[in-house]
Amino acid sequence: MIVLPVDGPAPRPDRPSTVLLHDEPDVRIVRFHLTPGQEVPPHTSPSSVVIQVLEGMGTFDGADGSVTLGPGDTVVYAPNELHSMRADREEPLRFLAVITPRPG
């Protein structure tokens, strides 16, 4: 059993911050922290990506359009689906990304 840390990452004024919580061939888990106005630009992954919002509200874009998600909400992106996310409210956006299998 592996217990993942609860803290982090600290916010950065210049870009979204991330911390790698777990990394093995079957799965990678990353925690993100976006300050208001920050975004993760459109990109793809060869893996499935599951995102669960931990704190704040944000806009999540994918092949089917955009959706606003808040704490406890989850979105799943298919392999190679173009996706992005942004903190477009007055509060930070924190979320967990589970990427399976680990890309690369």
PDB file of N, CA and C in Angstrom:
ATOM      1  N   MET A   1       0.850  -1.171   0.000  1.00  0.00           N
ATOM      2  CA  MET A   1       0.000   0.000   0.000  1.00  0.00           C
ATOM      3  C   MET A   1       0.894   1.232   0.000  1.00  0.00           C
ATOM      4  N   ILE A   2       0.470   2.248  -0.761  1.00  0.00           N
ATOM      5  CA  ILE A   2       1.182   3.510  -0.822  1.00  0.00           C
ATOM      6  C   ILE A   2       0.209   4.613  -0.427  1.00  0.00           C
ATOM      7  N   VAL A   3       0.581   5.405   0.550  1.00  0.00           N
ATOM      8  CA  VAL A   3      -0.226   6.552   0.962  1.00  0.00           C
ATOM      9  C   VAL A   3       0.363   7.792   0.308  1.00  0.00           C
ATOM     10  N   LEU A   4      -0.455   8.469  -0.494  1.00  0.00           N
ATOM     11  CA  LEU A   4       0.020   9.643  -1.218  1.00  0.00           C
ATOM     12  C   LEU A   4      -0.031  10.880  -0.323  1.00  0.00           C
ATOM     13  N   PRO A   5       0.900  11.812  -0.505  1.00  0.00           N
ATOM     14  CA  PRO A   5       0.908  13.022   0.314  1.00  0.00           C
ATOM     15  C   PRO A   5      -0.303  13.897   0.021  1.00  0.00           C
ATOM     16  N   VAL A   6      -0.719  14.640   1.020  1.00  0.00           N
ATOM     17  CA  VAL A   6      -1.872  15.522   0.903  1.00  0.00           C
ATOM     18  C   VAL A   6      -1.441  16.918   0.464  1.00  0.00           C
ATOM     19  N   ASP A   7      -0.265  17.346   0.864  1.00  0.00           N
ATOM     20  CA  ASP A   7       0.198  18.707   0.599  1.00  0.00           C
ATOM     21  C   ASP A   7       0.687  18.887  -0.818  1.00  0.00           C
ATOM     22  N   GLY A   8       0.743  20.169  -1.211  1.00  0.00           N
ATOM     23  CA  GLY A   8       1.372  20.597  -2.446  1.00  0.00           C
ATOM     24  C   GLY A   8       0.480  20.503  -3.641  1.00  0.00           C
ATOM     25  N   PRO A   9       0.963  21.037  -4.702  1.00  0.00           N
ATOM     26  CA  PRO A   9       2.163  21.841  -4.823  1.00  0.00           C
ATOM     27  C   PRO A   9       1.888  23.290  -4.446  1.00  0.00           C
ATOM     28  N   ALA A  10       2.933  24.027  -4.141  1.00  0.00           N
ATOM     29  CA  ALA A  10       2.779  25.449  -3.839  1.00  0.00           C
ATOM     30  C   ALA A  10       2.457  26.194  -5.128  1.00  0.00           C
ATOM     31  N   PRO A  11       1.626  27.221  -5.040  1.00  0.00           N
ATOM     32  CA  PRO A  11       1.290  27.974  -6.252  1.00  0.00           C
ATOM     33  C   PRO A  11       2.500  28.712  -6.807  1.00  0.00           C
ATOM     34  N   ARG A  12       2.494  28.909  -8.119  1.00  0.00           N
ATOM     35  CA  ARG A  12       3.546  29.669  -8.806  1.00  0.00           C
ATOM     36  C   ARG A  12       2.878  30.794  -9.582  1.00  0.00           C
ATOM     37  N   PRO A  13       3.426  31.993  -9.531  1.00  0.00           N
ATOM     38  CA  PRO A  13       2.792  33.105 -10.247  1.00  0.00           C
ATOM     39  C   PRO A  13       2.974  33.039 -11.758  1.00  0.00           C
ATOM     40  N   ASP A  14       4.004  32.324 -12.231  1.00  0.00           N
ATOM     41  CA  ASP A  14       4.339  32.317 -13.646  1.00  0.00           C
ATOM     42  C   ASP A  14       3.690  31.202 -14.457  1.00  0.00           C
ATOM     43  N   ARG A  15       3.218  30.147 -13.792  1.00  0.00           N
ATOM     44  CA  ARG A  15       2.621  29.020 -14.512  1.00  0.00           C
ATOM     45  C   ARG A  15       1.931  28.095 -13.516  1.00  0.00           C
ATOM     46  N   PRO A  16       1.059  27.187 -14.017  1.00  0.00           N
ATOM     47  CA  PRO A  16       0.476  26.193 -13.115  1.00  0.00           C
ATOM     48  C   PRO A  16       1.580  25.370 -12.461  1.00  0.00           C
ATOM     49  N   SER A  17       1.365  24.983 -11.228  1.00  0.00           N
ATOM     50  CA  SER A  17       2.363  24.150 -10.548  1.00  0.00           C
ATOM     51  C   SER A  17       1.836  22.728 -10.427  1.00  0.00           C
ATOM     52  N   THR A  18       2.781  21.788 -10.419  1.00  0.00           N
ATOM     53  CA  THR A  18       2.428  20.381 -10.334  1.00  0.00           C
ATOM     54  C   THR A  18       3.366  19.671  -9.369  1.00  0.00           C
ATOM     55  N   VAL A  19       2.886  18.550  -8.871  1.00  0.00           N
ATOM     56  CA  VAL A  19       3.739  17.652  -8.094  1.00  0.00           C
ATOM     57  C   VAL A  19       3.379  16.226  -8.504  1.00  0.00           C
ATOM     58  N   LEU A  20       4.411  15.459  -8.788  1.00  0.00           N
ATOM     59  CA  LEU A  20       4.234  14.056  -9.150  1.00  0.00           C
ATOM     60  C   LEU A  20       4.056  13.256  -7.863  1.00  0.00           C
ATOM     61  N   LEU A  21       2.873  12.648  -7.700  1.00  0.00           N
ATOM     62  CA  LEU A  21       2.568  11.906  -6.475  1.00  0.00           C
ATOM     63  C   LEU A  21       2.921  10.430  -6.582  1.00  0.00           C
ATOM     64  N   HIS A  22       2.801   9.886  -7.795  1.00  0.00           N
ATOM     65  CA  HIS A  22       3.043   8.448  -7.973  1.00  0.00           C
ATOM     66  C   HIS A  22       3.367   8.206  -9.436  1.00  0.00           C
ATOM     67  N   ASP A  23       4.330   7.326  -9.698  1.00  0.00           N
ATOM     68  CA  ASP A  23       4.723   7.071 -11.079  1.00  0.00           C
ATOM     69  C   ASP A  23       5.211   5.639 -11.211  1.00  0.00           C
ATOM     70  N   GLU A  24       4.502   4.868 -12.014  1.00  0.00           N
ATOM     71  CA  GLU A  24       4.897   3.501 -12.330  1.00  0.00           C
ATOM     72  C   GLU A  24       4.351   3.193 -13.716  1.00  0.00           C
ATOM     73  N   PRO A  25       4.737   2.104 -14.334  1.00  0.00           N
ATOM     74  CA  PRO A  25       4.318   1.846 -15.721  1.00  0.00           C
ATOM     75  C   PRO A  25       2.803   1.849 -15.947  1.00  0.00           C
ATOM     76  N   ASP A  26       2.032   1.430 -14.967  1.00  0.00           N
ATOM     77  CA  ASP A  26       0.585   1.347 -15.155  1.00  0.00           C
ATOM     78  C   ASP A  26      -0.159   2.643 -14.893  1.00  0.00           C
ATOM     79  N   VAL A  27       0.438   3.547 -14.113  1.00  0.00           N
ATOM     80  CA  VAL A  27      -0.302   4.762 -13.740  1.00  0.00           C
ATOM     81  C   VAL A  27       0.652   5.861 -13.280  1.00  0.00           C
ATOM     82  N   ARG A  28       0.279   7.088 -13.620  1.00  0.00           N
ATOM     83  CA  ARG A  28       0.972   8.278 -13.121  1.00  0.00           C
ATOM     84  C   ARG A  28      -0.094   9.157 -12.469  1.00  0.00           C
ATOM     85  N   ILE A  29       0.189   9.686 -11.283  1.00  0.00           N
ATOM     86  CA  ILE A  29      -0.749  10.552 -10.576  1.00  0.00           C
ATOM     87  C   ILE A  29      -0.063  11.886 -10.304  1.00  0.00           C
ATOM     88  N   VAL A  30      -0.705  12.966 -10.749  1.00  0.00           N
ATOM     89  CA  VAL A  30      -0.136  14.307 -10.643  1.00  0.00           C
ATOM     90  C   VAL A  30      -1.175  15.228 -10.010  1.00  0.00           C
ATOM     91  N   ARG A  31      -0.722  16.059  -9.063  1.00  0.00           N
ATOM     92  CA  ARG A  31      -1.597  17.075  -8.466  1.00  0.00           C
ATOM     93  C   ARG A  31      -1.241  18.422  -9.097  1.00  0.00           C
ATOM     94  N   PHE A  32      -2.264  19.176  -9.484  1.00  0.00           N
ATOM     95  CA  PHE A  32      -2.102  20.484 -10.115  1.00  0.00           C
ATOM     96  C   PHE A  32      -2.645  21.584  -9.212  1.00  0.00           C
ATOM     97  N   HIS A  33      -2.023  22.765  -9.306  1.00  0.00           N
ATOM     98  CA  HIS A  33      -2.512  23.963  -8.622  1.00  0.00           C
ATOM     99  C   HIS A  33      -2.430  25.115  -9.617  1.00  0.00           C
ATOM    100  N   LEU A  34      -3.595  25.669  -9.958  1.00  0.00           N
ATOM    101  CA  LEU A  34      -3.674  26.811 -10.855  1.00  0.00           C
ATOM    102  C   LEU A  34      -4.201  28.000 -10.074  1.00  0.00           C
ATOM    103  N   THR A  35      -3.537  29.127 -10.179  1.00  0.00           N
ATOM    104  CA  THR A  35      -4.050  30.350  -9.573  1.00  0.00           C
ATOM    105  C   THR A  35      -5.047  30.978 -10.542  1.00  0.00           C
ATOM    106  N   PRO A  36      -5.884  31.908 -10.081  1.00  0.00           N
ATOM    107  CA  PRO A  36      -6.883  32.509 -10.971  1.00  0.00           C
ATOM    108  C   PRO A  36      -6.255  33.036 -12.263  1.00  0.00           C
ATOM    109  N   GLY A  37      -6.845  32.645 -13.382  1.00  0.00           N
ATOM    110  CA  GLY A  37      -6.374  33.075 -14.684  1.00  0.00           C
ATOM    111  C   GLY A  37      -5.379  32.140 -15.344  1.00  0.00           C
ATOM    112  N   GLN A  38      -4.794  31.226 -14.594  1.00  0.00           N
ATOM    113  CA  GLN A  38      -3.830  30.296 -15.189  1.00  0.00           C
ATOM    114  C   GLN A  38      -4.552  29.184 -15.946  1.00  0.00           C
ATOM    115  N   GLU A  39      -3.844  28.612 -16.919  1.00  0.00           N
ATOM    116  CA  GLU A  39      -4.419  27.508 -17.679  1.00  0.00           C
ATOM    117  C   GLU A  39      -3.355  26.495 -18.053  1.00  0.00           C
ATOM    118  N   VAL A  40      -3.809  25.282 -18.250  1.00  0.00           N
ATOM    119  CA  VAL A  40      -2.990  24.236 -18.858  1.00  0.00           C
ATOM    120  C   VAL A  40      -3.403  24.265 -20.324  1.00  0.00           C
ATOM    121  N   PRO A  41      -2.484  24.630 -21.227  1.00  0.00           N
ATOM    122  CA  PRO A  41      -2.867  24.803 -22.636  1.00  0.00           C
ATOM    123  C   PRO A  41      -3.307  23.491 -23.284  1.00  0.00           C
ATOM    124  N   PRO A  42      -4.013  23.604 -24.403  1.00  0.00           N
ATOM    125  CA  PRO A  42      -4.476  22.403 -25.105  1.00  0.00           C
ATOM    126  C   PRO A  42      -3.312  21.457 -25.428  1.00  0.00           C
ATOM    127  N   HIS A  43      -3.544  20.189 -25.147  1.00  0.00           N
ATOM    128  CA  HIS A  43      -2.543  19.153 -25.385  1.00  0.00           C
ATOM    129  C   HIS A  43      -3.249  17.809 -25.483  1.00  0.00           C
ATOM    130  N   THR A  44      -2.511  16.788 -25.880  1.00  0.00           N
ATOM    131  CA  THR A  44      -3.042  15.429 -25.914  1.00  0.00           C
ATOM    132  C   THR A  44      -2.133  14.519 -25.109  1.00  0.00           C
ATOM    133  N   SER A  45      -2.654  13.358 -24.783  1.00  0.00           N
ATOM    134  CA  SER A  45      -1.883  12.317 -24.118  1.00  0.00           C
ATOM    135  C   SER A  45      -2.210  10.992 -24.797  1.00  0.00           C
ATOM    136  N   PRO A  46      -1.238  10.126 -24.974  1.00  0.00           N
ATOM    137  CA  PRO A  46      -1.540   8.823 -25.560  1.00  0.00           C
ATOM    138  C   PRO A  46      -2.313   7.914 -24.595  1.00  0.00           C
ATOM    139  N   SER A  47      -2.484   8.382 -23.361  1.00  0.00           N
ATOM    140  CA  SER A  47      -3.141   7.596 -22.309  1.00  0.00           C
ATOM    141  C   SER A  47      -4.516   8.162 -21.986  1.00  0.00           C
ATOM    142  N   SER A  48      -5.313   7.403 -21.243  1.00  0.00           N
ATOM    143  CA  SER A  48      -6.545   7.937 -20.662  1.00  0.00           C
ATOM    144  C   SER A  48      -6.163   8.845 -19.508  1.00  0.00           C
ATOM    145  N   VAL A  49      -6.904   9.953 -19.355  1.00  0.00           N
ATOM    146  CA  VAL A  49      -6.640  10.901 -18.285  1.00  0.00           C
ATOM    147  C   VAL A  49      -7.933  11.113 -17.503  1.00  0.00           C
ATOM    148  N   VAL A  50      -7.894  10.836 -16.204  1.00  0.00           N
ATOM    149  CA  VAL A  50      -9.026  11.056 -15.316  1.00  0.00           C
ATOM    150  C   VAL A  50      -8.655  12.215 -14.401  1.00  0.00           C
ATOM    151  N   ILE A  51      -9.504  13.245 -14.352  1.00  0.00           N
ATOM    152  CA  ILE A  51      -9.242  14.411 -13.518  1.00  0.00           C
ATOM    153  C   ILE A  51     -10.362  14.566 -12.506  1.00  0.00           C
ATOM    154  N   GLN A  52      -9.987  14.729 -11.243  1.00  0.00           N
ATOM    155  CA  GLN A  52     -10.958  15.018 -10.199  1.00  0.00           C
ATOM    156  C   GLN A  52     -10.597  16.349  -9.556  1.00  0.00           C
ATOM    157  N   VAL A  53     -11.574  17.242  -9.502  1.00  0.00           N
ATOM    158  CA  VAL A  53     -11.368  18.556  -8.901  1.00  0.00           C
ATOM    159  C   VAL A  53     -11.370  18.409  -7.380  1.00  0.00           C
ATOM    160  N   LEU A  54     -10.343  18.968  -6.747  1.00  0.00           N
ATOM    161  CA  LEU A  54     -10.214  18.934  -5.294  1.00  0.00           C
ATOM    162  C   LEU A  54     -10.711  20.222  -4.642  1.00  0.00           C
ATOM    163  N   GLU A  55     -10.453  21.349  -5.324  1.00  0.00           N
ATOM    164  CA  GLU A  55     -10.782  22.656  -4.736  1.00  0.00           C
ATOM    165  C   GLU A  55     -10.957  23.671  -5.858  1.00  0.00           C
ATOM    166  N   GLY A  56     -11.910  24.583  -5.698  1.00  0.00           N
ATOM    167  CA  GLY A  56     -12.126  25.644  -6.671  1.00  0.00           C
ATOM    168  C   GLY A  56     -13.011  25.201  -7.821  1.00  0.00           C
ATOM    169  N   MET A  57     -13.163  26.111  -8.770  1.00  0.00           N
ATOM    170  CA  MET A  57     -13.965  25.867  -9.965  1.00  0.00           C
ATOM    171  C   MET A  57     -13.101  26.156 -11.168  1.00  0.00           C
ATOM    172  N   GLY A  58     -13.330  25.425 -12.257  1.00  0.00           N
ATOM    173  CA  GLY A  58     -12.560  25.664 -13.465  1.00  0.00           C
ATOM    174  C   GLY A  58     -13.289  25.181 -14.695  1.00  0.00           C
ATOM    175  N   THR A  59     -12.791  25.614 -15.841  1.00  0.00           N
ATOM    176  CA  THR A  59     -13.341  25.199 -17.118  1.00  0.00           C
ATOM    177  C   THR A  59     -12.435  24.129 -17.708  1.00  0.00           C
ATOM    178  N   PHE A  60     -13.040  23.035 -18.108  1.00  0.00           N
ATOM    179  CA  PHE A  60     -12.331  21.898 -18.678  1.00  0.00           C
ATOM    180  C   PHE A  60     -12.847  21.702 -20.094  1.00  0.00           C
ATOM    181  N   ASP A  61     -11.937  21.761 -21.057  1.00  0.00           N
ATOM    182  CA  ASP A  61     -12.288  21.642 -22.471  1.00  0.00           C
ATOM    183  C   ASP A  61     -11.865  20.285 -23.001  1.00  0.00           C
ATOM    184  N   GLY A  62     -12.688  19.728 -23.872  1.00  0.00           N
ATOM    185  CA  GLY A  62     -12.378  18.459 -24.504  1.00  0.00           C
ATOM    186  C   GLY A  62     -13.049  18.386 -25.856  1.00  0.00           C
ATOM    187  N   ALA A  63     -13.036  17.230 -26.454  1.00  0.00           N
ATOM    188  CA  ALA A  63     -13.580  17.036 -27.791  1.00  0.00           C
ATOM    189  C   ALA A  63     -15.071  17.372 -27.874  1.00  0.00           C
ATOM    190  N   ASP A  64     -15.793  17.222 -26.780  1.00  0.00           N
ATOM    191  CA  ASP A  64     -17.233  17.475 -26.782  1.00  0.00           C
ATOM    192  C   ASP A  64     -17.609  18.867 -26.312  1.00  0.00           C
ATOM    193  N   GLY A  65     -16.629  19.760 -26.126  1.00  0.00           N
ATOM    194  CA  GLY A  65     -16.931  21.120 -25.694  1.00  0.00           C
ATOM    195  C   GLY A  65     -16.307  21.443 -24.350  1.00  0.00           C
ATOM    196  N   SER A  66     -16.926  22.391 -23.644  1.00  0.00           N
ATOM    197  CA  SER A  66     -16.424  22.873 -22.356  1.00  0.00           C
ATOM    198  C   SER A  66     -17.434  22.602 -21.260  1.00  0.00           C
ATOM    199  N   VAL A  67     -16.900  22.403 -20.049  1.00  0.00           N
ATOM    200  CA  VAL A  67     -17.753  22.207 -18.880  1.00  0.00           C
ATOM    201  C   VAL A  67     -17.072  22.860 -17.688  1.00  0.00           C
ATOM    202  N   THR A  68     -17.882  23.438 -16.804  1.00  0.00           N
ATOM    203  CA  THR A  68     -17.363  24.004 -15.563  1.00  0.00           C
ATOM    204  C   THR A  68     -17.515  22.956 -14.477  1.00  0.00           C
ATOM    205  N   LEU A  69     -16.412  22.670 -13.775  1.00  0.00           N
ATOM    206  CA  LEU A  69     -16.415  21.643 -12.735  1.00  0.00           C
ATOM    207  C   LEU A  69     -15.967  22.240 -11.416  1.00  0.00           C
ATOM    208  N   GLY A  70     -16.457  21.642 -10.324  1.00  0.00           N
ATOM    209  CA  GLY A  70     -16.080  22.061  -8.981  1.00  0.00           C
ATOM    210  C   GLY A  70     -15.691  20.866  -8.139  1.00  0.00           C
ATOM    211  N   PRO A  71     -15.461  21.093  -6.846  1.00  0.00           N
ATOM    212  CA  PRO A  71     -14.978  20.039  -5.953  1.00  0.00           C
ATOM    213  C   PRO A  71     -15.803  18.761  -6.035  1.00  0.00           C
ATOM    214  N   GLY A  72     -15.098  17.646  -6.228  1.00  0.00           N
ATOM    215  CA  GLY A  72     -15.735  16.336  -6.313  1.00  0.00           C
ATOM    216  C   GLY A  72     -16.109  15.928  -7.724  1.00  0.00           C
ATOM    217  N   ASP A  73     -16.154  16.882  -8.655  1.00  0.00           N
ATOM    218  CA  ASP A  73     -16.488  16.553 -10.044  1.00  0.00           C
ATOM    219  C   ASP A  73     -15.308  15.865 -10.717  1.00  0.00           C
ATOM    220  N   THR A  74     -15.632  14.985 -11.666  1.00  0.00           N
ATOM    221  CA  THR A  74     -14.614  14.204 -12.363  1.00  0.00           C
ATOM    222  C   THR A  74     -14.878  14.238 -13.865  1.00  0.00           C
ATOM    223  N   VAL A  75     -13.806  14.328 -14.640  1.00  0.00           N
ATOM    224  CA  VAL A  75     -13.903  14.276 -16.097  1.00  0.00           C
ATOM    225  C   VAL A  75     -12.885  13.243 -16.591  1.00  0.00           C
ATOM    226  N   VAL A  76     -13.234  12.556 -17.680  1.00  0.00           N
ATOM    227  CA  VAL A  76     -12.342  11.555 -18.274  1.00  0.00           C
ATOM    228  C   VAL A  76     -12.075  11.943 -19.720  1.00  0.00           C
ATOM    229  N   TYR A  77     -10.798  11.991 -20.077  1.00  0.00           N
ATOM    230  CA  TYR A  77     -10.390  12.257 -21.453  1.00  0.00           C
ATOM    231  C   TYR A  77      -9.877  10.957 -22.070  1.00  0.00           C
ATOM    232  N   ALA A  78     -10.310  10.691 -23.306  1.00  0.00           N
ATOM    233  CA  ALA A  78      -9.871   9.492 -24.025  1.00  0.00           C
ATOM    234  C   ALA A  78      -8.435   9.669 -24.506  1.00  0.00           C
ATOM    235  N   PRO A  79      -7.741   8.577 -24.774  1.00  0.00           N
ATOM    236  CA  PRO A  79      -6.400   8.694 -25.346  1.00  0.00           C
ATOM    237  C   PRO A  79      -6.425   9.572 -26.606  1.00  0.00           C
ATOM    238  N   ASN A  80      -5.439  10.459 -26.720  1.00  0.00           N
ATOM    239  CA  ASN A  80      -5.258  11.361 -27.858  1.00  0.00           C
ATOM    240  C   ASN A  80      -6.333  12.435 -27.993  1.00  0.00           C
ATOM    241  N   GLU A  81      -7.201  12.601 -26.995  1.00  0.00           N
ATOM    242  CA  GLU A  81      -8.205  13.659 -27.034  1.00  0.00           C
ATOM    243  C   GLU A  81      -7.551  14.991 -26.654  1.00  0.00           C
ATOM    244  N   LEU A  82      -7.743  15.998 -27.478  1.00  0.00           N
ATOM    245  CA  LEU A  82      -7.236  17.332 -27.174  1.00  0.00           C
ATOM    246  C   LEU A  82      -7.998  17.880 -25.969  1.00  0.00           C
ATOM    247  N   HIS A  83      -7.274  18.334 -24.951  1.00  0.00           N
ATOM    248  CA  HIS A  83      -7.927  18.841 -23.745  1.00  0.00           C
ATOM    249  C   HIS A  83      -7.109  19.953 -23.114  1.00  0.00           C
ATOM    250  N   SER A  84      -7.800  20.775 -22.320  1.00  0.00           N
ATOM    251  CA  SER A  84      -7.162  21.865 -21.581  1.00  0.00           C
ATOM    252  C   SER A  84      -8.026  22.192 -20.376  1.00  0.00           C
ATOM    253  N   MET A  85      -7.474  22.985 -19.450  1.00  0.00           N
ATOM    254  CA  MET A  85      -8.227  23.395 -18.275  1.00  0.00           C
ATOM    255  C   MET A  85      -7.731  24.751 -17.816  1.00  0.00           C
ATOM    256  N   ARG A  86      -8.631  25.518 -17.184  1.00  0.00           N
ATOM    257  CA  ARG A  86      -8.246  26.837 -16.703  1.00  0.00           C
ATOM    258  C   ARG A  86      -9.024  27.225 -15.452  1.00  0.00           C
ATOM    259  N   ALA A  87      -8.343  27.996 -14.625  1.00  0.00           N
ATOM    260  CA  ALA A  87      -8.954  28.554 -13.406  1.00  0.00           C
ATOM    261  C   ALA A  87      -9.460  29.942 -13.775  1.00  0.00           C
ATOM    262  N   ASP A  88     -10.717  30.047 -14.123  1.00  0.00           N
ATOM    263  CA  ASP A  88     -11.243  31.316 -14.595  1.00  0.00           C
ATOM    264  C   ASP A  88     -12.156  31.990 -13.577  1.00  0.00           C
ATOM    265  N   ARG A  89     -11.958  31.653 -12.341  1.00  0.00           N
ATOM    266  CA  ARG A  89     -12.708  32.280 -11.251  1.00  0.00           C
ATOM    267  C   ARG A  89     -11.735  33.054 -10.375  1.00  0.00           C
ATOM    268  N   GLU A  90     -12.221  33.584  -9.282  1.00  0.00           N
ATOM    269  CA  GLU A  90     -11.392  34.384  -8.369  1.00  0.00           C
ATOM    270  C   GLU A  90     -10.701  33.528  -7.312  1.00  0.00           C
ATOM    271  N   GLU A  91     -10.683  32.234  -7.522  1.00  0.00           N
ATOM    272  CA  GLU A  91     -10.104  31.316  -6.538  1.00  0.00           C
ATOM    273  C   GLU A  91      -9.165  30.336  -7.230  1.00  0.00           C
ATOM    274  N   PRO A  92      -8.238  29.756  -6.482  1.00  0.00           N
ATOM    275  CA  PRO A  92      -7.357  28.745  -7.079  1.00  0.00           C
ATOM    276  C   PRO A  92      -8.149  27.506  -7.491  1.00  0.00           C
ATOM    277  N   LEU A  93      -7.587  26.773  -8.415  1.00  0.00           N
ATOM    278  CA  LEU A  93      -8.147  25.502  -8.872  1.00  0.00           C
ATOM    279  C   LEU A  93      -7.112  24.427  -8.599  1.00  0.00           C
ATOM    280  N   ARG A  94      -7.511  23.428  -7.829  1.00  0.00           N
ATOM    281  CA  ARG A  94      -6.622  22.290  -7.548  1.00  0.00           C
ATOM    282  C   ARG A  94      -7.310  21.022  -8.012  1.00  0.00           C
ATOM    283  N   PHE A  95      -6.561  20.190  -8.726  1.00  0.00           N
ATOM    284  CA  PHE A  95      -7.136  18.929  -9.184  1.00  0.00           C
ATOM    285  C   PHE A  95      -6.069  17.855  -9.260  1.00  0.00           C
ATOM    286  N   LEU A  96      -6.546  16.626  -9.294  1.00  0.00           N
ATOM    287  CA  LEU A  96      -5.710  15.437  -9.361  1.00  0.00           C
ATOM    288  C   LEU A  96      -5.897  14.822 -10.739  1.00  0.00           C
ATOM    289  N   ALA A  97      -4.795  14.496 -11.417  1.00  0.00           N
ATOM    290  CA  ALA A  97      -4.855  13.829 -12.718  1.00  0.00           C
ATOM    291  C   ALA A  97      -4.284  12.421 -12.572  1.00  0.00           C
ATOM    292  N   VAL A  98      -5.054  11.440 -12.991  1.00  0.00           N
ATOM    293  CA  VAL A  98      -4.625  10.043 -13.002  1.00  0.00           C
ATOM    294  C   VAL A  98      -4.497   9.654 -14.470  1.00  0.00           C
ATOM    295  N   ILE A  99      -3.274   9.336 -14.875  1.00  0.00           N
ATOM    296  CA  ILE A  99      -2.958   9.059 -16.272  1.00  0.00           C
ATOM    297  C   ILE A  99      -2.557   7.583 -16.375  1.00  0.00           C
ATOM    298  N   THR A 100      -3.335   6.844 -17.207  1.00  0.00           N
ATOM    299  CA  THR A 100      -3.091   5.418 -17.281  1.00  0.00           C
ATOM    300  C   THR A 100      -3.218   4.911 -18.717  1.00  0.00           C
ATOM    301  N   PRO A 101      -2.279   4.112 -19.182  1.00  0.00           N
ATOM    302  CA  PRO A 101      -1.009   3.824 -18.550  1.00  0.00           C
ATOM    303  C   PRO A 101      -0.095   5.044 -18.623  1.00  0.00           C
ATOM    304  N   ARG A 102       0.970   5.026 -17.850  1.00  0.00           N
ATOM    305  CA  ARG A 102       1.909   6.140 -17.851  1.00  0.00           C
ATOM    306  C   ARG A 102       2.406   6.376 -19.281  1.00  0.00           C
ATOM    307  N   PRO A 103       2.339   7.630 -19.758  1.00  0.00           N
ATOM    308  CA  PRO A 103       2.828   7.900 -21.112  1.00  0.00           C
ATOM    309  C   PRO A 103       4.351   7.734 -21.200  1.00  0.00           C
ATOM    310  N   GLY A 104       4.810   7.465 -22.405  1.00  0.00           N
ATOM    311  CA  GLY A 104       6.248   7.366 -22.623  1.00  0.00           C
ATOM    312  C   GLY A 104       6.722   5.997 -22.454  1.00  0.00           C
TER     313      GLY A 104
END
